N, C-alpha and C. Protein backbone atom coordinates (compact mmCIF):
# COMPACT_ATOMS: atom_id res chain seq x y z
N MET A 1 32.40 3.94 -49.02
CA MET A 1 32.76 4.40 -47.82
C MET A 1 32.40 5.71 -47.28
N ALA A 2 32.10 6.47 -48.05
CA ALA A 2 31.33 7.79 -47.73
C ALA A 2 29.92 7.72 -47.36
N ASN A 3 29.44 6.55 -48.05
CA ASN A 3 27.95 6.28 -47.69
C ASN A 3 27.83 5.65 -46.34
N GLN A 4 28.80 4.98 -45.93
CA GLN A 4 28.64 4.38 -44.54
C GLN A 4 28.89 5.55 -43.37
N LYS A 5 29.67 6.53 -43.64
CA LYS A 5 30.02 7.68 -42.74
C LYS A 5 28.87 8.38 -42.53
N SER A 6 27.97 8.62 -43.65
CA SER A 6 26.63 9.48 -43.59
C SER A 6 25.72 8.53 -42.89
N GLN A 7 25.51 7.41 -42.91
CA GLN A 7 24.68 6.54 -42.34
C GLN A 7 24.87 6.60 -40.78
N SER A 8 26.18 6.39 -40.41
CA SER A 8 26.52 6.37 -38.85
C SER A 8 26.31 7.88 -38.25
N ALA A 9 26.30 8.81 -39.05
CA ALA A 9 26.21 10.06 -38.61
C ALA A 9 24.69 10.12 -38.04
N THR A 10 23.83 9.62 -39.02
CA THR A 10 22.44 9.85 -38.53
C THR A 10 21.78 8.84 -37.51
N LEU A 11 22.44 7.72 -37.27
CA LEU A 11 22.17 6.86 -36.43
C LEU A 11 22.25 7.28 -35.07
N PRO A 12 21.31 7.10 -33.93
CA PRO A 12 21.45 7.51 -32.62
C PRO A 12 22.47 6.49 -31.82
N ASP A 13 22.97 7.06 -30.77
CA ASP A 13 23.89 6.37 -29.98
C ASP A 13 22.91 5.48 -29.12
N LEU A 14 23.25 4.14 -29.42
CA LEU A 14 22.25 3.13 -28.52
C LEU A 14 22.65 2.76 -27.18
N ARG A 15 24.01 3.14 -26.77
CA ARG A 15 24.30 2.95 -25.48
C ARG A 15 23.79 3.83 -24.52
N GLU A 16 23.12 4.92 -24.89
CA GLU A 16 22.34 5.77 -23.97
C GLU A 16 21.04 5.07 -23.44
N GLU A 17 20.65 4.24 -24.40
CA GLU A 17 19.15 3.69 -24.39
C GLU A 17 19.32 2.38 -23.46
N ILE A 18 20.63 1.81 -23.55
CA ILE A 18 20.69 0.42 -22.82
C ILE A 18 21.16 0.83 -21.55
N GLU A 19 22.15 1.72 -21.23
CA GLU A 19 22.54 2.25 -19.90
C GLU A 19 22.33 3.67 -19.65
N PRO A 20 21.28 4.13 -19.60
CA PRO A 20 20.82 5.60 -19.51
C PRO A 20 21.38 6.02 -18.01
N GLY A 21 21.65 5.22 -17.06
CA GLY A 21 22.15 5.71 -15.69
C GLY A 21 23.64 6.07 -15.60
N LYS A 22 24.34 5.63 -16.83
CA LYS A 22 25.78 5.59 -16.73
C LYS A 22 26.30 7.09 -16.65
N ARG A 23 25.25 7.84 -17.38
CA ARG A 23 25.87 9.45 -17.51
C ARG A 23 25.82 10.29 -16.39
N ASP A 24 24.71 9.97 -15.76
CA ASP A 24 24.18 10.89 -14.54
C ASP A 24 24.35 10.23 -13.24
N THR A 25 25.30 9.38 -12.99
CA THR A 25 25.26 8.79 -11.57
C THR A 25 26.00 9.47 -10.64
N LEU A 26 25.75 9.36 -9.34
CA LEU A 26 26.38 9.99 -8.39
C LEU A 26 27.91 9.89 -8.40
N ALA A 27 28.56 10.72 -7.88
CA ALA A 27 30.12 10.63 -7.91
C ALA A 27 30.55 11.25 -6.62
N GLY A 28 31.92 10.85 -6.33
CA GLY A 28 32.53 11.42 -5.03
C GLY A 28 31.94 10.91 -3.82
N TRP A 29 31.78 12.03 -2.91
CA TRP A 29 31.34 11.65 -1.57
C TRP A 29 29.92 11.27 -1.57
N SER A 30 29.22 11.69 -2.66
CA SER A 30 27.64 11.21 -2.69
C SER A 30 27.53 9.70 -2.85
N ILE A 31 28.37 9.03 -3.66
CA ILE A 31 28.28 7.54 -3.72
C ILE A 31 28.73 6.78 -2.54
N ARG A 32 29.76 7.52 -1.99
CA ARG A 32 30.23 6.91 -0.96
C ARG A 32 29.39 6.87 0.32
N GLY A 33 28.59 8.07 0.40
CA GLY A 33 27.53 8.32 1.67
C GLY A 33 26.52 7.27 1.30
N LEU A 34 26.03 7.12 -0.08
CA LEU A 34 24.92 6.30 -0.22
C LEU A 34 25.34 4.80 0.06
N SER A 35 26.58 4.44 -0.34
CA SER A 35 27.16 3.02 0.16
C SER A 35 27.02 2.85 1.40
N LEU A 36 27.44 3.80 2.23
CA LEU A 36 27.52 3.47 3.75
C LEU A 36 26.07 3.40 4.30
N ILE A 37 25.25 4.24 3.89
CA ILE A 37 23.71 4.00 4.22
C ILE A 37 23.18 2.75 3.98
N CYS A 38 23.43 2.47 2.61
CA CYS A 38 22.99 1.04 2.17
C CYS A 38 23.58 -0.13 3.14
N ILE A 39 24.88 -0.01 3.23
CA ILE A 39 25.44 -1.17 4.26
C ILE A 39 24.82 -1.08 5.68
N ALA A 40 24.88 0.15 6.20
CA ALA A 40 24.40 0.17 7.62
C ALA A 40 22.97 -0.38 7.61
N PHE A 41 22.07 -0.10 6.71
CA PHE A 41 20.69 -0.64 6.68
C PHE A 41 20.61 -2.00 6.59
N GLY A 42 21.64 -2.57 5.82
CA GLY A 42 21.54 -4.19 5.69
C GLY A 42 21.95 -4.74 6.90
N LEU A 43 23.01 -4.01 7.61
CA LEU A 43 23.54 -4.53 8.91
C LEU A 43 22.60 -4.49 9.95
N PHE A 44 21.77 -3.40 10.00
CA PHE A 44 20.52 -3.20 11.04
C PHE A 44 19.43 -4.29 10.66
N GLN A 45 19.25 -4.57 9.46
CA GLN A 45 18.22 -5.69 9.28
C GLN A 45 18.84 -7.21 9.68
N PHE A 46 19.89 -7.41 9.44
CA PHE A 46 20.56 -8.58 9.97
C PHE A 46 20.52 -8.51 11.49
N TYR A 47 20.94 -7.55 12.02
CA TYR A 47 20.98 -7.45 13.64
C TYR A 47 19.65 -7.63 14.18
N THR A 48 18.59 -7.07 13.65
CA THR A 48 17.30 -7.36 14.21
C THR A 48 16.63 -8.63 13.79
N ALA A 49 17.10 -9.13 12.60
CA ALA A 49 16.65 -10.58 12.35
C ALA A 49 17.30 -11.76 13.18
N GLY A 50 18.52 -11.35 13.46
CA GLY A 50 19.52 -12.38 14.02
C GLY A 50 19.36 -12.47 15.59
N THR A 51 19.06 -11.36 16.25
CA THR A 51 19.28 -11.02 17.59
C THR A 51 17.98 -10.92 18.36
N ARG A 52 17.82 -10.61 19.45
CA ARG A 52 16.43 -10.26 20.03
C ARG A 52 15.77 -9.10 19.43
N PRO A 53 14.72 -9.13 19.01
CA PRO A 53 13.95 -8.24 18.26
C PRO A 53 13.76 -6.83 18.99
N MET A 54 13.65 -5.82 18.37
CA MET A 54 13.47 -4.46 19.02
C MET A 54 12.08 -4.35 19.23
N LEU A 55 11.86 -3.23 19.94
CA LEU A 55 10.41 -2.90 20.17
C LEU A 55 9.94 -2.40 18.61
N ALA A 56 8.76 -2.78 18.33
CA ALA A 56 8.31 -2.82 16.91
C ALA A 56 8.25 -1.17 16.27
N MET A 57 7.73 -0.42 17.34
CA MET A 57 7.80 0.77 16.82
C MET A 57 9.11 1.64 16.43
N ARG A 58 10.05 1.14 17.46
CA ARG A 58 11.25 1.78 17.02
C ARG A 58 11.98 1.10 15.91
N GLN A 59 11.79 -0.22 15.64
CA GLN A 59 12.37 -0.78 14.37
C GLN A 59 11.73 -0.28 13.09
N TYR A 60 10.29 0.14 13.16
CA TYR A 60 9.64 0.72 12.02
C TYR A 60 10.13 2.22 11.94
N ALA A 61 10.59 2.98 12.90
CA ALA A 61 10.91 4.33 12.84
C ALA A 61 12.48 4.13 12.11
N ILE A 62 13.24 3.32 12.72
CA ILE A 62 14.58 3.19 12.05
C ILE A 62 14.53 2.80 10.42
N HIS A 63 13.59 1.72 10.27
CA HIS A 63 13.55 1.31 8.84
C HIS A 63 12.98 2.56 8.01
N LEU A 64 11.82 3.26 8.38
CA LEU A 64 11.75 4.31 7.58
C LEU A 64 12.69 5.28 7.47
N ALA A 65 13.54 5.70 8.41
CA ALA A 65 14.49 6.66 8.35
C ALA A 65 15.69 6.28 7.27
N PHE A 66 15.84 4.96 7.20
CA PHE A 66 16.81 4.36 6.33
C PHE A 66 16.15 4.34 4.91
N ALA A 67 15.02 3.87 4.77
CA ALA A 67 14.47 3.94 3.52
C ALA A 67 14.47 5.23 2.89
N VAL A 68 13.96 6.21 3.53
CA VAL A 68 13.63 7.56 3.09
C VAL A 68 15.16 8.27 2.68
N ALA A 69 16.17 7.82 3.51
CA ALA A 69 17.49 8.43 3.13
C ALA A 69 18.05 7.84 1.79
N ILE A 70 17.85 6.54 1.77
CA ILE A 70 18.24 5.85 0.52
C ILE A 70 17.40 6.39 -0.73
N ILE A 71 16.13 6.48 -0.52
CA ILE A 71 15.40 6.92 -1.73
C ILE A 71 15.63 8.33 -2.32
N PHE A 72 15.82 9.35 -1.21
CA PHE A 72 15.91 10.82 -1.59
C PHE A 72 17.45 10.86 -2.02
N TRP A 73 18.37 10.00 -1.46
CA TRP A 73 19.77 10.03 -1.97
C TRP A 73 19.98 9.64 -3.30
N ALA A 74 19.16 8.48 -3.62
CA ALA A 74 19.41 7.85 -5.04
C ALA A 74 18.53 8.18 -6.11
N TYR A 75 17.28 8.55 -5.84
CA TYR A 75 16.43 9.13 -6.85
C TYR A 75 16.24 10.64 -6.82
N PRO A 76 16.52 11.22 -8.15
CA PRO A 76 16.41 12.55 -8.28
C PRO A 76 15.01 13.11 -8.10
N PHE A 77 14.69 14.40 -7.97
CA PHE A 77 13.36 15.10 -7.94
C PHE A 77 12.71 14.66 -9.31
N GLN A 78 13.38 15.02 -10.44
CA GLN A 78 12.96 14.87 -11.85
C GLN A 78 13.88 13.92 -12.48
N LYS A 79 13.15 12.98 -13.25
CA LYS A 79 14.06 12.18 -14.10
C LYS A 79 15.13 12.73 -14.86
N SER A 80 14.76 13.86 -15.50
CA SER A 80 15.33 14.55 -16.47
C SER A 80 16.48 15.42 -15.86
N SER A 81 16.77 15.49 -14.49
CA SER A 81 17.68 16.39 -13.98
C SER A 81 18.91 15.66 -13.74
N HIS A 82 19.94 16.34 -13.98
CA HIS A 82 21.42 15.81 -14.12
C HIS A 82 21.88 15.66 -12.60
N ARG A 83 22.27 14.53 -12.11
CA ARG A 83 22.45 14.10 -10.93
C ARG A 83 24.05 13.90 -10.54
N ARG A 84 24.72 14.60 -10.16
CA ARG A 84 26.13 14.28 -9.73
C ARG A 84 26.43 14.40 -8.19
N ARG A 85 25.46 15.04 -7.50
CA ARG A 85 25.48 15.30 -6.00
C ARG A 85 24.19 15.30 -5.52
N VAL A 86 24.00 15.09 -4.39
CA VAL A 86 22.63 15.34 -3.49
C VAL A 86 22.31 16.88 -3.20
N PRO A 87 21.06 17.31 -3.76
CA PRO A 87 20.78 18.43 -3.52
C PRO A 87 20.46 18.85 -2.06
N VAL A 88 20.37 20.05 -1.77
CA VAL A 88 20.39 20.51 -0.47
C VAL A 88 18.89 20.13 0.13
N TYR A 89 17.79 20.40 -0.76
CA TYR A 89 16.37 19.97 -0.36
C TYR A 89 16.30 18.65 -0.12
N ASP A 90 16.90 17.83 -0.64
CA ASP A 90 16.97 16.22 -0.45
C ASP A 90 17.66 15.99 0.81
N LEU A 91 18.77 16.67 1.27
CA LEU A 91 19.50 16.41 2.38
C LEU A 91 18.39 17.02 3.58
N ALA A 92 17.67 17.97 3.31
CA ALA A 92 16.73 18.47 4.48
C ALA A 92 15.66 17.62 4.74
N ALA A 93 15.09 16.66 3.64
CA ALA A 93 14.16 15.90 3.69
C ALA A 93 14.60 14.64 4.50
N ILE A 94 15.91 14.38 4.26
CA ILE A 94 16.44 13.24 5.14
C ILE A 94 16.66 13.53 6.43
N ALA A 95 17.06 14.81 6.80
CA ALA A 95 17.15 15.36 8.02
C ALA A 95 15.79 15.29 8.69
N VAL A 96 14.67 15.66 8.30
CA VAL A 96 13.34 15.74 8.95
C VAL A 96 13.09 14.27 9.17
N ALA A 97 13.34 13.34 8.33
CA ALA A 97 13.05 11.79 8.57
C ALA A 97 13.76 11.34 9.65
N LEU A 98 15.05 11.66 9.77
CA LEU A 98 15.91 11.34 10.96
C LEU A 98 15.54 11.84 12.19
N VAL A 99 15.07 13.30 12.26
CA VAL A 99 14.40 13.82 13.45
C VAL A 99 13.27 13.04 13.98
N ALA A 100 12.43 12.83 13.07
CA ALA A 100 11.04 12.27 13.24
C ALA A 100 11.36 10.90 13.85
N ALA A 101 12.38 10.12 13.21
CA ALA A 101 12.47 8.72 13.78
C ALA A 101 13.19 8.62 15.17
N VAL A 102 14.16 9.76 15.44
CA VAL A 102 14.52 9.76 16.66
C VAL A 102 13.36 10.21 17.81
N TYR A 103 12.59 11.07 17.44
CA TYR A 103 11.35 11.48 18.08
C TYR A 103 10.59 10.26 18.43
N ILE A 104 10.31 9.22 17.47
CA ILE A 104 9.48 8.10 17.79
C ILE A 104 10.20 7.10 18.49
N MET A 105 11.55 7.05 18.24
CA MET A 105 12.29 6.17 19.24
C MET A 105 12.26 6.54 20.76
N VAL A 106 12.42 7.85 21.04
CA VAL A 106 12.56 8.36 22.36
C VAL A 106 11.05 8.15 23.00
N ASN A 107 9.93 8.40 22.19
CA ASN A 107 8.58 8.36 22.75
C ASN A 107 7.93 6.95 22.44
N ALA A 108 8.62 6.07 22.10
CA ALA A 108 7.79 4.64 21.61
C ALA A 108 7.23 3.96 22.79
N LEU A 109 7.59 3.91 24.05
CA LEU A 109 6.92 3.31 25.02
C LEU A 109 5.51 4.05 25.55
N PRO A 110 5.64 5.34 25.77
CA PRO A 110 4.52 6.12 26.03
C PRO A 110 3.45 5.90 25.01
N ILE A 111 3.87 5.92 23.79
CA ILE A 111 3.04 6.04 22.55
C ILE A 111 2.26 4.53 22.57
N MET A 112 3.01 3.49 22.81
CA MET A 112 2.58 2.18 22.60
C MET A 112 1.54 2.00 23.93
N GLU A 113 1.91 2.51 25.08
CA GLU A 113 1.07 2.32 26.31
C GLU A 113 -0.22 3.16 26.36
N PHE A 114 -0.32 4.12 25.33
CA PHE A 114 -1.41 5.00 25.26
C PHE A 114 -1.27 5.95 26.51
N THR A 115 -0.16 6.13 27.05
CA THR A 115 -0.07 7.12 28.13
C THR A 115 0.43 8.50 27.45
N TYR A 116 0.72 8.54 26.23
CA TYR A 116 1.24 9.83 25.79
C TYR A 116 0.30 10.92 25.34
N ILE A 117 0.68 11.88 25.68
CA ILE A 117 -0.19 13.09 25.38
C ILE A 117 0.13 13.80 24.15
N GLU A 118 -0.65 13.94 23.13
CA GLU A 118 -0.16 14.44 22.03
C GLU A 118 0.23 16.11 22.01
N SER A 119 1.21 16.23 21.31
CA SER A 119 1.52 17.82 21.42
C SER A 119 1.72 18.46 20.05
N ASN A 120 1.94 19.74 19.93
CA ASN A 120 2.17 20.37 18.66
C ASN A 120 3.31 19.73 17.79
N LEU A 121 4.27 19.32 18.83
CA LEU A 121 5.65 18.66 18.00
C LEU A 121 5.19 17.57 17.13
N ASP A 122 4.27 16.70 17.55
CA ASP A 122 3.65 15.55 16.78
C ASP A 122 3.12 16.09 15.58
N LEU A 123 2.53 17.19 15.30
CA LEU A 123 2.04 17.59 14.03
C LEU A 123 3.11 18.13 13.20
N LEU A 124 4.20 18.98 14.03
CA LEU A 124 5.21 19.69 13.36
C LEU A 124 6.16 18.59 12.66
N LEU A 125 6.30 17.34 13.23
CA LEU A 125 6.91 16.39 12.52
C LEU A 125 6.23 15.42 11.76
N GLY A 126 5.07 14.95 12.18
CA GLY A 126 4.01 14.00 11.39
C GLY A 126 3.64 14.60 9.99
N VAL A 127 3.27 15.83 10.03
CA VAL A 127 2.87 16.29 8.53
C VAL A 127 3.90 16.31 7.69
N PRO A 128 5.12 16.85 7.86
CA PRO A 128 6.20 16.77 7.03
C PRO A 128 6.65 15.47 6.62
N LEU A 129 6.63 14.58 7.57
CA LEU A 129 7.05 13.18 7.34
C LEU A 129 6.04 12.42 6.45
N LEU A 130 4.80 12.83 6.51
CA LEU A 130 3.67 12.10 5.68
C LEU A 130 4.03 12.66 4.26
N LEU A 131 4.19 14.00 4.02
CA LEU A 131 4.62 14.42 2.72
C LEU A 131 5.93 13.89 2.05
N ILE A 132 6.89 13.78 3.03
CA ILE A 132 8.13 13.11 2.61
C ILE A 132 7.96 11.60 2.16
N VAL A 133 7.01 10.93 2.86
CA VAL A 133 6.83 9.63 2.43
C VAL A 133 6.09 9.51 0.95
N LEU A 134 5.06 10.50 0.93
CA LEU A 134 4.38 10.61 -0.35
C LEU A 134 5.48 10.92 -1.56
N GLU A 135 6.33 11.72 -1.21
CA GLU A 135 7.34 12.16 -2.22
C GLU A 135 8.13 11.03 -2.64
N ALA A 136 8.55 10.19 -1.44
CA ALA A 136 9.51 8.97 -1.67
C ALA A 136 8.65 8.02 -2.50
N SER A 137 7.46 8.08 -2.39
CA SER A 137 6.61 6.91 -2.99
C SER A 137 6.40 7.38 -4.50
N ARG A 138 6.31 8.77 -4.71
CA ARG A 138 6.15 9.20 -6.04
C ARG A 138 7.52 9.15 -6.86
N ARG A 139 8.76 9.18 -6.26
CA ARG A 139 9.94 8.91 -6.86
C ARG A 139 10.27 7.66 -7.24
N THR A 140 9.86 6.74 -6.50
CA THR A 140 10.17 5.27 -6.64
C THR A 140 9.14 4.55 -7.64
N LEU A 141 7.79 4.92 -7.39
CA LEU A 141 7.00 4.06 -8.12
C LEU A 141 6.63 4.91 -9.48
N ALA A 142 6.74 6.17 -9.43
CA ALA A 142 6.40 7.11 -10.71
C ALA A 142 4.97 6.79 -11.26
N SER A 143 5.06 6.33 -12.46
CA SER A 143 3.65 6.19 -13.12
C SER A 143 3.09 4.75 -12.98
N SER A 144 3.75 3.92 -12.25
CA SER A 144 3.19 2.59 -11.87
C SER A 144 2.13 2.69 -10.72
N SER A 145 2.18 3.72 -10.08
CA SER A 145 1.09 3.98 -8.91
C SER A 145 -0.25 4.12 -9.56
N PRO A 146 -1.27 3.36 -9.17
CA PRO A 146 -2.74 3.46 -9.58
C PRO A 146 -3.21 5.04 -9.37
N SER A 147 -3.08 5.41 -8.41
CA SER A 147 -3.61 6.80 -8.07
C SER A 147 -3.05 7.92 -8.97
N TRP A 148 -1.67 7.75 -9.33
CA TRP A 148 -1.19 8.82 -10.13
C TRP A 148 -1.55 8.53 -11.67
N SER A 149 -1.54 7.16 -11.78
CA SER A 149 -1.88 6.92 -13.30
C SER A 149 -3.43 7.26 -13.63
N ALA A 150 -4.24 7.21 -12.50
CA ALA A 150 -5.52 7.46 -12.85
C ALA A 150 -5.92 9.16 -12.78
N SER A 151 -5.04 9.73 -11.99
CA SER A 151 -5.26 11.24 -12.17
C SER A 151 -4.54 11.70 -13.41
N ARG A 152 -3.49 11.08 -13.91
CA ARG A 152 -3.10 11.65 -15.13
C ARG A 152 -4.12 11.28 -16.34
N SER A 153 -4.58 10.08 -16.25
CA SER A 153 -5.57 9.64 -17.54
C SER A 153 -6.83 10.59 -17.36
N SER A 154 -7.24 10.83 -16.15
CA SER A 154 -8.43 11.71 -16.07
C SER A 154 -8.24 13.19 -16.63
N THR A 155 -7.03 13.57 -16.29
CA THR A 155 -6.66 14.94 -16.84
C THR A 155 -6.38 15.00 -18.17
N ARG A 156 -6.09 13.88 -18.90
CA ARG A 156 -5.93 13.68 -20.25
C ARG A 156 -7.37 13.87 -20.78
N PHE A 157 -8.32 12.99 -20.34
CA PHE A 157 -9.74 12.93 -20.91
C PHE A 157 -10.44 14.35 -20.88
N SER A 158 -10.09 14.90 -19.81
CA SER A 158 -10.96 16.09 -19.51
C SER A 158 -10.27 17.33 -20.37
N ALA A 159 -8.76 17.18 -20.87
CA ALA A 159 -8.54 18.13 -21.85
C ALA A 159 -9.09 17.94 -23.05
N ARG A 160 -9.64 16.95 -23.48
CA ARG A 160 -10.21 16.78 -24.92
C ARG A 160 -11.37 17.48 -25.23
């Protein structure tokens, strides 16, 4: 009997390997907010698929805003970080994506008709949105992306 107790003390808890997300899941208003965003995104997809389609550029902007919001809300900056609520920098990235989406929706017709004159606001919203999309790709794809995998392997070989 004493031998069994010493063996169980040295064995790792396998529940953490099977369900690693159970420990650090979102809680409280964070999980409710994520659920509402996901439901609204699904309803938007059904609406645009079932009724008269929207202008493509407006639909892309709304789709991008929903996708970025879900990714930044659900995926932490680092996999090792403990995540019980959404950090302020993720909420700021979501806000930038929403502002850019509204800007595209307002200016969709002039942009598509090539009557739109570029402004500094385009760069002010476009560059951060590009960086946000790259960060969202990094968070969701992680090491499965070829460019990140290639850069990681090249740094490993150069270190030797």
